Every structure is written in C-alpha cells, then in structure tokens.
Amino acid sequence: MAINSKGKRKLLLDNQKYYWYVLDEWGRTEFDGVQIRIIPSNQSFQISYGINQIENRRFLSIHLQKDGAHLRFYCPKFENENNIMTNHGIKNILLWCRNTIENKSHQIVPNLYPTSKNENSIEFIDNVFEELIKTIK
C-alpha cells in the first residue's frame, strides 16, 4: 500500500525513501505535544520522537508493522538548538537507530515494552531486534 505523501517531507538515505511529518497531539499518543513520525516507503516500521522532552529522560519509539511490537530507547537530542526538526535531524535519527540496532548498544526504557505470556522479555527484545535489523537496513 502506498503512503499518502501529502503534508509529509521526503528524505532519501542509502537508496531508501523515508517520509516524515510533525504532529501536535495531547493524550492520544506516547508523546504529549509536538512529535515527529518517520516511516520508510515500505512501511515496515515507524519511528516516533517527541520534541522538547526532558533531557535525562529523552527517548524514541520504534514500532514494527509486522507484529505490532515496539521498543523505546533512551536517545540523544536530535532537534536543533531552536528545537526545530530538520532533514538533518531526521537523518541523524535514522543513522542513530541503525547503529543502535546493529550493535545492540541499546538502553531500553524499562517497563514500557510489551511481552507475550509465552516469551520472557530478553527473548522478546532479541526477536524485535532481529526484525528491526531486517527492516531498517
């Protein structure tokens, strides 16, 4: 299924097309206020990142389309000094995610990821990482 590109910016990174957009939502999403969504053209995952997060609790979420799983990672600040997100910031998010996933050098936000009754959290995280490695390259 194609992505409706209306109101979305495009970014090409390593021959993969990404769409990103800004939304301002309160109470219905994991970030309150201004946030960024990044979706690859194959729609295999979605990255969500909140602008103006508290510095020592800044995180982003990666949601897998295939099974609905998601993980939240502590991360650095990606918006510029004026708290504005640019294509450069989006590229940095994608490169940071790729590096974090490939090297499994992650700091997962505790108690915020789903687990099924038959999987322990380590197995769940490993399974999600394997799917992310397939989709984010």
C-alpha atoms as a PDB file:
ATOM      1  CA  MET A   1       0.000   0.000   0.000  1.00  0.00           C
ATOM      2  CA  ALA A   2       1.335   3.432  -0.901  1.00  0.00           C
ATOM      3  CA  ILE A   3       1.939   6.183   1.628  1.00  0.00           C
ATOM      4  CA  ASN A   4      -0.098   9.339   1.301  1.00  0.00           C
ATOM      5  CA  SER A   5       2.722  11.852   0.947  1.00  0.00           C
ATOM      6  CA  LYS A   6       0.526  14.934   1.369  1.00  0.00           C
ATOM      7  CA  GLY A   7       1.863  17.024   4.251  1.00  0.00           C
ATOM      8  CA  LYS A   8       4.951  14.825   4.618  1.00  0.00           C
ATOM      9  CA  ARG A   9       8.582  15.604   3.891  1.00  0.00           C
ATOM     10  CA  LYS A  10      10.761  13.144   2.000  1.00  0.00           C
ATOM     11  CA  LEU A  11      14.277  12.023   2.789  1.00  0.00           C
ATOM     12  CA  LEU A  12      16.461   9.637   0.792  1.00  0.00           C
ATOM     13  CA  LEU A  13      19.052   7.709   2.806  1.00  0.00           C
ATOM     14  CA  ASP A  14      21.065   4.851   1.287  1.00  0.00           C
ATOM     15  CA  ASN A  15      18.572   4.421  -1.568  1.00  0.00           C
ATOM     16  CA  GLN A  16      15.669   4.075   0.873  1.00  0.00           C
ATOM     17  CA  LYS A  17      12.942   6.698   0.800  1.00  0.00           C
ATOM     18  CA  TYR A  18      11.547   7.891   4.138  1.00  0.00           C
ATOM     19  CA  TYR A  19       8.607  10.148   4.858  1.00  0.00           C
ATOM     20  CA  TRP A  20       8.393  12.257   7.973  1.00  0.00           C
ATOM     21  CA  TYR A  21       5.911  14.652   9.442  1.00  0.00           C
ATOM     22  CA  VAL A  22       5.228  16.698  12.535  1.00  0.00           C
ATOM     23  CA  LEU A  23       2.085  16.428  14.625  1.00  0.00           C
ATOM     24  CA  ASP A  24       0.887  18.089  17.804  1.00  0.00           C
ATOM     25  CA  GLU A  25      -1.184  15.669  19.889  1.00  0.00           C
ATOM     26  CA  TRP A  26      -2.080  15.503  23.561  1.00  0.00           C
ATOM     27  CA  GLY A  27      -3.252  12.427  25.444  1.00  0.00           C
ATOM     28  CA  ARG A  28      -3.664  10.067  22.492  1.00  0.00           C
ATOM     29  CA  THR A  29      -0.031   9.263  21.707  1.00  0.00           C
ATOM     30  CA  GLU A  30       3.036   8.292  23.695  1.00  0.00           C
ATOM     31  CA  PHE A  31       4.434  11.815  23.461  1.00  0.00           C
ATOM     32  CA  ASP A  32       2.378  14.809  24.505  1.00  0.00           C
ATOM     33  CA  GLY A  33       2.844  17.858  22.331  1.00  0.00           C
ATOM     34  CA  VAL A  34       4.932  18.256  19.201  1.00  0.00           C
ATOM     35  CA  GLN A  35       6.299  14.997  17.855  1.00  0.00           C
ATOM     36  CA  ILE A  36       7.892  13.516  14.758  1.00  0.00           C
ATOM     37  CA  ARG A  37       6.894  10.371  12.861  1.00  0.00           C
ATOM     38  CA  ILE A  38       9.241   8.702  10.369  1.00  0.00           C
ATOM     39  CA  ILE A  39       8.020   5.949   8.027  1.00  0.00           C
ATOM     40  CA  PRO A  40      10.018   4.161   5.306  1.00  0.00           C
ATOM     41  CA  SER A  41       8.354   3.796   1.920  1.00  0.00           C
ATOM     42  CA  ASN A  42       7.871   0.042   2.540  1.00  0.00           C
ATOM     43  CA  GLN A  43       6.007   0.890   5.784  1.00  0.00           C
ATOM     44  CA  SER A  44       7.796  -1.884   7.703  1.00  0.00           C
ATOM     45  CA  PHE A  45       8.273   0.260  10.806  1.00  0.00           C
ATOM     46  CA  GLN A  46       7.580   3.670  12.288  1.00  0.00           C
ATOM     47  CA  ILE A  47       9.805   5.825  14.452  1.00  0.00           C
ATOM     48  CA  SER A  48       8.219   8.284  16.877  1.00  0.00           C
ATOM     49  CA  TYR A  49      10.167  11.031  18.629  1.00  0.00           C
ATOM     50  CA  GLY A  50       8.913  13.806  20.892  1.00  0.00           C
ATOM     51  CA  ILE A  51      10.278  17.331  20.681  1.00  0.00           C
ATOM     52  CA  ASN A  52      11.101  19.184  23.939  1.00  0.00           C
ATOM     53  CA  GLN A  53      11.480  16.075  26.068  1.00  0.00           C
ATOM     54  CA  ILE A  54      13.098  16.228  29.492  1.00  0.00           C
ATOM     55  CA  GLU A  55      16.833  15.987  28.862  1.00  0.00           C
ATOM     56  CA  ASN A  56      17.678  12.994  31.070  1.00  0.00           C
ATOM     57  CA  ARG A  57      14.569  11.010  30.026  1.00  0.00           C
ATOM     58  CA  ARG A  58      14.635  11.566  26.262  1.00  0.00           C
ATOM     59  CA  PHE A  59      13.538   8.539  24.230  1.00  0.00           C
ATOM     60  CA  LEU A  60      12.226   7.435  20.868  1.00  0.00           C
ATOM     61  CA  SER A  61       9.997   4.514  19.872  1.00  0.00           C
ATOM     62  CA  ILE A  62      10.338   2.075  17.026  1.00  0.00           C
ATOM     63  CA  HIS A  63       7.133   0.258  16.091  1.00  0.00           C
ATOM     64  CA  LEU A  64       7.203  -2.804  13.857  1.00  0.00           C
ATOM     65  CA  GLN A  65       4.369  -3.048  11.358  1.00  0.00           C
ATOM     66  CA  LYS A  66       4.617  -6.837  11.017  1.00  0.00           C
ATOM     67  CA  ASP A  67       3.630  -7.865  14.545  1.00  0.00           C
ATOM     68  CA  GLY A  68       2.813  -4.595  16.274  1.00  0.00           C
ATOM     69  CA  ALA A  69       5.770  -4.882  18.655  1.00  0.00           C
ATOM     70  CA  HIS A  70       7.632  -1.797  19.738  1.00  0.00           C
ATOM     71  CA  LEU A  71      10.599  -0.785  21.842  1.00  0.00           C
ATOM     72  CA  ARG A  72      11.513   2.533  23.381  1.00  0.00           C
ATOM     73  CA  PHE A  73      15.151   3.576  23.539  1.00  0.00           C
ATOM     74  CA  TYR A  74      16.840   6.314  25.515  1.00  0.00           C
ATOM     75  CA  CYS A  75      18.382   8.610  22.933  1.00  0.00           C
ATOM     76  CA  PRO A  76      20.170  11.936  22.445  1.00  0.00           C
ATOM     77  CA  LYS A  77      18.543  15.178  21.336  1.00  0.00           C
ATOM     78  CA  PHE A  78      18.016  15.343  17.558  1.00  0.00           C
ATOM     79  CA  GLU A  79      16.293  18.700  17.042  1.00  0.00           C
ATOM     80  CA  ASN A  80      18.455  21.792  16.529  1.00  0.00           C
ATOM     81  CA  GLU A  81      19.253  24.455  19.144  1.00  0.00           C
ATOM     82  CA  ASN A  82      15.943  26.215  18.344  1.00  0.00           C
ATOM     83  CA  ASN A  83      14.014  22.953  18.976  1.00  0.00           C
ATOM     84  CA  ILE A  84      13.226  22.651  15.259  1.00  0.00           C
ATOM     85  CA  MET A  85      13.480  19.343  13.426  1.00  0.00           C
ATOM     86  CA  THR A  86      15.150  19.434  10.021  1.00  0.00           C
ATOM     87  CA  ASN A  87      16.052  16.816   7.401  1.00  0.00           C
ATOM     88  CA  HIS A  88      19.485  16.697   9.044  1.00  0.00           C
ATOM     89  CA  GLY A  89      17.880  15.757  12.380  1.00  0.00           C
ATOM     90  CA  ILE A  90      15.764  13.066  10.697  1.00  0.00           C
ATOM     91  CA  LYS A  91      18.858  11.629   9.032  1.00  0.00           C
ATOM     92  CA  ASN A  92      20.604  11.590  12.420  1.00  0.00           C
ATOM     93  CA  ILE A  93      17.661   9.722  13.991  1.00  0.00           C
ATOM     94  CA  LEU A  94      17.772   7.076  11.249  1.00  0.00           C
ATOM     95  CA  LEU A  95      21.554   6.661  11.477  1.00  0.00           C
ATOM     96  CA  TRP A  96      21.405   6.519  15.282  1.00  0.00           C
ATOM     97  CA  CYS A  97      18.664   3.856  15.147  1.00  0.00           C
ATOM     98  CA  ARG A  98      20.587   1.793  12.603  1.00  0.00           C
ATOM     99  CA  ASN A  99      23.785   1.961  14.656  1.00  0.00           C
ATOM    100  CA  THR A 100      21.966   1.174  17.911  1.00  0.00           C
ATOM    101  CA  ILE A 101      20.160  -1.816  16.433  1.00  0.00           C
ATOM    102  CA  GLU A 102      23.091  -3.267  14.506  1.00  0.00           C
ATOM    103  CA  ASN A 103      25.412  -3.020  17.521  1.00  0.00           C
ATOM    104  CA  LYS A 104      22.715  -3.859  20.075  1.00  0.00           C
ATOM    105  CA  SER A 105      24.115  -0.937  22.066  1.00  0.00           C
ATOM    106  CA  HIS A 106      20.737  -0.012  23.421  1.00  0.00           C
ATOM    107  CA  GLN A 107      19.325   1.375  26.591  1.00  0.00           C
ATOM    108  CA  ILE A 108      15.715   0.298  26.587  1.00  0.00           C
ATOM    109  CA  VAL A 109      13.273   2.373  28.580  1.00  0.00           C
ATOM    110  CA  PRO A 110      12.263  -0.028  31.387  1.00  0.00           C
ATOM    111  CA  ASN A 111       8.776  -1.492  31.848  1.00  0.00           C
ATOM    112  CA  LEU A 112       7.409   0.104  28.715  1.00  0.00           C
ATOM    113  CA  TYR A 113       7.659  -2.697  26.191  1.00  0.00           C
ATOM    114  CA  PRO A 114       5.011  -5.399  25.679  1.00  0.00           C
ATOM    115  CA  THR A 115       5.731  -9.070  26.254  1.00  0.00           C
ATOM    116  CA  SER A 116       3.552 -12.012  25.423  1.00  0.00           C
ATOM    117  CA  LYS A 117       2.694 -14.598  28.061  1.00  0.00           C
ATOM    118  CA  ASN A 118       4.970 -17.168  26.417  1.00  0.00           C
ATOM    119  CA  GLU A 119       8.076 -15.033  25.979  1.00  0.00           C
ATOM    120  CA  ASN A 120      10.364 -13.580  28.558  1.00  0.00           C
ATOM    121  CA  SER A 121      11.489 -10.028  27.999  1.00  0.00           C
ATOM    122  CA  ILE A 122      15.031 -10.914  26.819  1.00  0.00           C
ATOM    123  CA  GLU A 123      13.680 -13.241  24.122  1.00  0.00           C
ATOM    124  CA  PHE A 124      11.105 -10.644  23.149  1.00  0.00           C
ATOM    125  CA  ILE A 125      13.744  -7.912  22.821  1.00  0.00           C
ATOM    126  CA  ASP A 126      16.023 -10.211  20.793  1.00  0.00           C
ATOM    127  CA  ASN A 127      13.136 -11.095  18.456  1.00  0.00           C
ATOM    128  CA  VAL A 128      12.232  -7.439  17.959  1.00  0.00           C
ATOM    129  CA  PHE A 129      15.886  -6.584  17.290  1.00  0.00           C
ATOM    130  CA  GLU A 130      16.101  -9.313  14.643  1.00  0.00           C
ATOM    131  CA  GLU A 131      13.028  -7.923  12.901  1.00  0.00           C
ATOM    132  CA  LEU A 132      14.371  -4.364  13.155  1.00  0.00           C
ATOM    133  CA  ILE A 133      17.717  -5.403  11.660  1.00  0.00           C
ATOM    134  CA  LYS A 134      15.831  -6.851   8.659  1.00  0.00           C
ATOM    135  CA  THR A 135      13.679  -3.777   8.177  1.00  0.00           C
ATOM    136  CA  ILE A 136      15.901  -0.797   8.986  1.00  0.00           C
ATOM    137  CA  LYS A 137      18.870  -1.653   6.728  1.00  0.00           C
END
